[in-house]
Amino acid sequence: MKRLLACAVIVLLAIAAMHTLDVGDWTVSFGGDEYEGPLAALFSLIFGAGGLVIAAVAIVCAALFVGLLFAGLGVLMVAGLALLAVVLVAAISPFLLPLLILFGLWYMVSRRRERRQADLKEHTI
């Protein structure tokens, strides 16, 4: 008896929902047939919801595509900045040539000094 009462309440709520939509003048053409009334409202709600689902899937796919596109452009931008840095260093390098020569001389002298000190430590022991 409780199940029958629950089913009756659900059916009455469905009927009340259909009447609140005021579907008396709705007409849907589907497959060459025209449907009116509550059946037309049901078809329009189902097909409208289906269209919204398809639109949501399309928007998600477009968002993924745009995200991947901009990520790829970001990688290209970083590579371009690295290339720009190399070009700038190459353009500035003639002005830094004297510093490069001094650094090379300092490195060779310090390396010779370290070898000499290592040789002195070996001979003293």
C-alpha atoms as a PDB file:
ATOM      1  CA  MET A   1       0.000   0.000   0.000  1.00  0.00           C
ATOM      2  CA  LYS A   2       2.883   2.388   0.798  1.00  0.00           C
ATOM      3  CA  ARG A   3       4.444   1.739  -2.609  1.00  0.00           C
ATOM      4  CA  LEU A   4       1.173   2.423  -4.358  1.00  0.00           C
ATOM      5  CA  LEU A   5       0.815   5.664  -2.424  1.00  0.00           C
ATOM      6  CA  ALA A   6       4.380   6.732  -3.358  1.00  0.00           C
ATOM      7  CA  CYS A   7       3.753   5.937  -7.045  1.00  0.00           C
ATOM      8  CA  ALA A   8       0.481   7.873  -6.988  1.00  0.00           C
ATOM      9  CA  VAL A   9       2.196  10.898  -5.451  1.00  0.00           C
ATOM     10  CA  ILE A  10       4.937  10.792  -8.113  1.00  0.00           C
ATOM     11  CA  VAL A  11       2.360  10.559 -10.920  1.00  0.00           C
ATOM     12  CA  LEU A  12       0.358  13.455  -9.472  1.00  0.00           C
ATOM     13  CA  LEU A  13       3.512  15.569  -9.146  1.00  0.00           C
ATOM     14  CA  ALA A  14       4.388  14.792 -12.792  1.00  0.00           C
ATOM     15  CA  ILE A  15       0.896  15.829 -13.901  1.00  0.00           C
ATOM     16  CA  ALA A  16       1.141  19.022 -11.848  1.00  0.00           C
ATOM     17  CA  ALA A  17       4.534  19.777 -13.410  1.00  0.00           C
ATOM     18  CA  MET A  18       3.097  19.291 -16.905  1.00  0.00           C
ATOM     19  CA  HIS A  19       0.263  21.686 -16.148  1.00  0.00           C
ATOM     20  CA  THR A  20       2.592  24.355 -14.772  1.00  0.00           C
ATOM     21  CA  LEU A  21       4.440  24.495 -18.082  1.00  0.00           C
ATOM     22  CA  ASP A  22       1.284  25.698 -19.907  1.00  0.00           C
ATOM     23  CA  VAL A  23       2.031  23.505 -22.883  1.00  0.00           C
ATOM     24  CA  GLY A  24      -1.331  23.781 -24.627  1.00  0.00           C
ATOM     25  CA  ASP A  25       0.012  25.737 -27.600  1.00  0.00           C
ATOM     26  CA  TRP A  26       3.413  24.059 -28.053  1.00  0.00           C
ATOM     27  CA  THR A  27       3.930  22.354 -31.392  1.00  0.00           C
ATOM     28  CA  VAL A  28       7.002  20.334 -32.377  1.00  0.00           C
ATOM     29  CA  SER A  29       7.698  18.957 -35.848  1.00  0.00           C
ATOM     30  CA  PHE A  30       9.725  15.779 -35.611  1.00  0.00           C
ATOM     31  CA  GLY A  31      10.266  13.474 -38.558  1.00  0.00           C
ATOM     32  CA  GLY A  32       7.444  15.036 -40.546  1.00  0.00           C
ATOM     33  CA  ASP A  33       4.936  14.544 -37.719  1.00  0.00           C
ATOM     34  CA  GLU A  34       3.607  17.372 -35.596  1.00  0.00           C
ATOM     35  CA  TYR A  35       3.191  16.887 -31.877  1.00  0.00           C
ATOM     36  CA  GLU A  36       1.203  19.205 -29.636  1.00  0.00           C
ATOM     37  CA  GLY A  37       0.619  19.565 -25.936  1.00  0.00           C
ATOM     38  CA  PRO A  38       2.611  17.787 -23.221  1.00  0.00           C
ATOM     39  CA  LEU A  39       4.328  15.444 -25.680  1.00  0.00           C
ATOM     40  CA  ALA A  40       5.641  18.447 -27.626  1.00  0.00           C
ATOM     41  CA  ALA A  41       6.886  19.993 -24.397  1.00  0.00           C
ATOM     42  CA  LEU A  42       8.650  16.738 -23.490  1.00  0.00           C
ATOM     43  CA  PHE A  43      10.302  16.513 -26.909  1.00  0.00           C
ATOM     44  CA  SER A  44      11.397  20.143 -26.821  1.00  0.00           C
ATOM     45  CA  LEU A  45      12.875  19.783 -23.322  1.00  0.00           C
ATOM     46  CA  ILE A  46      14.722  16.586 -24.246  1.00  0.00           C
ATOM     47  CA  PHE A  47      16.102  17.960 -27.509  1.00  0.00           C
ATOM     48  CA  GLY A  48      16.938  21.300 -25.912  1.00  0.00           C
ATOM     49  CA  ALA A  49      18.860  19.559 -23.151  1.00  0.00           C
ATOM     50  CA  GLY A  50      20.617  17.416 -25.762  1.00  0.00           C
ATOM     51  CA  GLY A  51      21.680  20.549 -27.615  1.00  0.00           C
ATOM     52  CA  LEU A  52      23.029  22.032 -24.406  1.00  0.00           C
ATOM     53  CA  VAL A  53      25.041  18.868 -23.721  1.00  0.00           C
ATOM     54  CA  ILE A  54      26.506  18.950 -27.235  1.00  0.00           C
ATOM     55  CA  ALA A  55      27.335  22.661 -26.813  1.00  0.00           C
ATOM     56  CA  ALA A  56      29.026  21.970 -23.460  1.00  0.00           C
ATOM     57  CA  VAL A  57      31.177  19.220 -25.000  1.00  0.00           C
ATOM     58  CA  ALA A  58      32.116  21.524 -27.895  1.00  0.00           C
ATOM     59  CA  ILE A  59      33.086  24.340 -25.516  1.00  0.00           C
ATOM     60  CA  VAL A  60      35.230  21.997 -23.408  1.00  0.00           C
ATOM     61  CA  CYS A  61      36.999  20.725 -26.549  1.00  0.00           C
ATOM     62  CA  ALA A  62      37.591  24.294 -27.734  1.00  0.00           C
ATOM     63  CA  ALA A  63      38.950  25.267 -24.315  1.00  0.00           C
ATOM     64  CA  LEU A  64      41.382  22.327 -24.358  1.00  0.00           C
ATOM     65  CA  PHE A  65      42.521  23.233 -27.857  1.00  0.00           C
ATOM     66  CA  VAL A  66      43.079  26.881 -26.949  1.00  0.00           C
ATOM     67  CA  GLY A  67      44.928  25.878 -23.773  1.00  0.00           C
ATOM     68  CA  LEU A  68      47.280  23.615 -25.719  1.00  0.00           C
ATOM     69  CA  LEU A  69      47.735  26.264 -28.395  1.00  0.00           C
ATOM     70  CA  PHE A  70      48.715  28.934 -25.879  1.00  0.00           C
ATOM     71  CA  ALA A  71      51.004  26.498 -24.050  1.00  0.00           C
ATOM     72  CA  GLY A  72      52.766  25.834 -27.353  1.00  0.00           C
ATOM     73  CA  LEU A  73      53.024  29.553 -28.009  1.00  0.00           C
ATOM     74  CA  GLY A  74      54.510  29.978 -24.527  1.00  0.00           C
ATOM     75  CA  VAL A  75      57.226  27.438 -25.339  1.00  0.00           C
ATOM     76  CA  LEU A  76      57.932  29.244 -28.599  1.00  0.00           C
ATOM     77  CA  MET A  77      58.120  32.548 -26.716  1.00  0.00           C
ATOM     78  CA  VAL A  78      60.687  31.172 -24.242  1.00  0.00           C
ATOM     79  CA  ALA A  79      62.734  29.739 -27.122  1.00  0.00           C
ATOM     80  CA  GLY A  80      62.544  33.110 -28.897  1.00  0.00           C
ATOM     81  CA  LEU A  81      63.741  34.933 -25.776  1.00  0.00           C
ATOM     82  CA  ALA A  82      66.662  32.500 -25.462  1.00  0.00           C
ATOM     83  CA  LEU A  83      67.550  33.108 -29.097  1.00  0.00           C
ATOM     84  CA  LEU A  84      67.338  36.858 -28.509  1.00  0.00           C
ATOM     85  CA  ALA A  85      69.712  36.532 -25.547  1.00  0.00           C
ATOM     86  CA  VAL A  86      72.219  34.614 -27.698  1.00  0.00           C
ATOM     87  CA  VAL A  87      71.985  37.244 -30.429  1.00  0.00           C
ATOM     88  CA  LEU A  88      72.493  40.048 -27.897  1.00  0.00           C
ATOM     89  CA  VAL A  89      75.533  38.318 -26.399  1.00  0.00           C
ATOM     90  CA  ALA A  90      76.939  37.831 -29.903  1.00  0.00           C
ATOM     91  CA  ALA A  91      76.353  41.524 -30.662  1.00  0.00           C
ATOM     92  CA  ILE A  92      77.971  42.675 -27.400  1.00  0.00           C
ATOM     93  CA  SER A  93      80.888  40.230 -27.520  1.00  0.00           C
ATOM     94  CA  PRO A  94      83.309  42.501 -29.477  1.00  0.00           C
ATOM     95  CA  PHE A  95      83.078  44.987 -26.616  1.00  0.00           C
ATOM     96  CA  LEU A  96      83.727  42.240 -24.079  1.00  0.00           C
ATOM     97  CA  LEU A  97      86.752  40.807 -25.892  1.00  0.00           C
ATOM     98  CA  PRO A  98      89.309  42.553 -23.660  1.00  0.00           C
ATOM     99  CA  LEU A  99      87.536  41.172 -20.579  1.00  0.00           C
ATOM    100  CA  LEU A 100      87.548  37.707 -22.131  1.00  0.00           C
ATOM    101  CA  ILE A 101      91.296  37.934 -22.743  1.00  0.00           C
ATOM    102  CA  LEU A 102      91.924  39.072 -19.156  1.00  0.00           C
ATOM    103  CA  PHE A 103      89.741  36.275 -17.781  1.00  0.00           C
ATOM    104  CA  GLY A 104      91.612  33.697 -19.913  1.00  0.00           C
ATOM    105  CA  LEU A 105      94.999  34.959 -18.686  1.00  0.00           C
ATOM    106  CA  TRP A 106      93.837  34.966 -15.057  1.00  0.00           C
ATOM    107  CA  TYR A 107      92.512  31.399 -15.424  1.00  0.00           C
ATOM    108  CA  MET A 108      95.783  30.116 -16.937  1.00  0.00           C
ATOM    109  CA  VAL A 109      97.909  31.809 -14.261  1.00  0.00           C
ATOM    110  CA  SER A 110      95.749  30.532 -11.404  1.00  0.00           C
ATOM    111  CA  ARG A 111      95.783  27.014 -12.846  1.00  0.00           C
ATOM    112  CA  ARG A 112      99.607  27.102 -13.119  1.00  0.00           C
ATOM    113  CA  ARG A 113      99.831  28.393  -9.546  1.00  0.00           C
ATOM    114  CA  GLU A 114      97.598  25.571  -8.276  1.00  0.00           C
ATOM    115  CA  ARG A 115      99.766  22.969 -10.048  1.00  0.00           C
ATOM    116  CA  ARG A 116     102.922  24.484  -8.604  1.00  0.00           C
ATOM    117  CA  GLN A 117     101.466  24.419  -5.092  1.00  0.00           C
ATOM    118  CA  ALA A 118     100.315  20.798  -5.542  1.00  0.00           C
ATOM    119  CA  ASP A 119     103.840  19.848  -6.706  1.00  0.00           C
ATOM    120  CA  LEU A 120     105.399  21.578  -3.694  1.00  0.00           C
ATOM    121  CA  LYS A 121     103.083  19.690  -1.317  1.00  0.00           C
ATOM    122  CA  GLU A 122     104.061  16.366  -2.911  1.00  0.00           C
ATOM    123  CA  HIS A 123     107.810  17.068  -2.638  1.00  0.00           C
ATOM    124  CA  THR A 124     107.658  18.222   0.969  1.00  0.00           C
ATOM    125  CA  ILE A 125     105.980  15.028   2.162  1.00  0.00           C
END
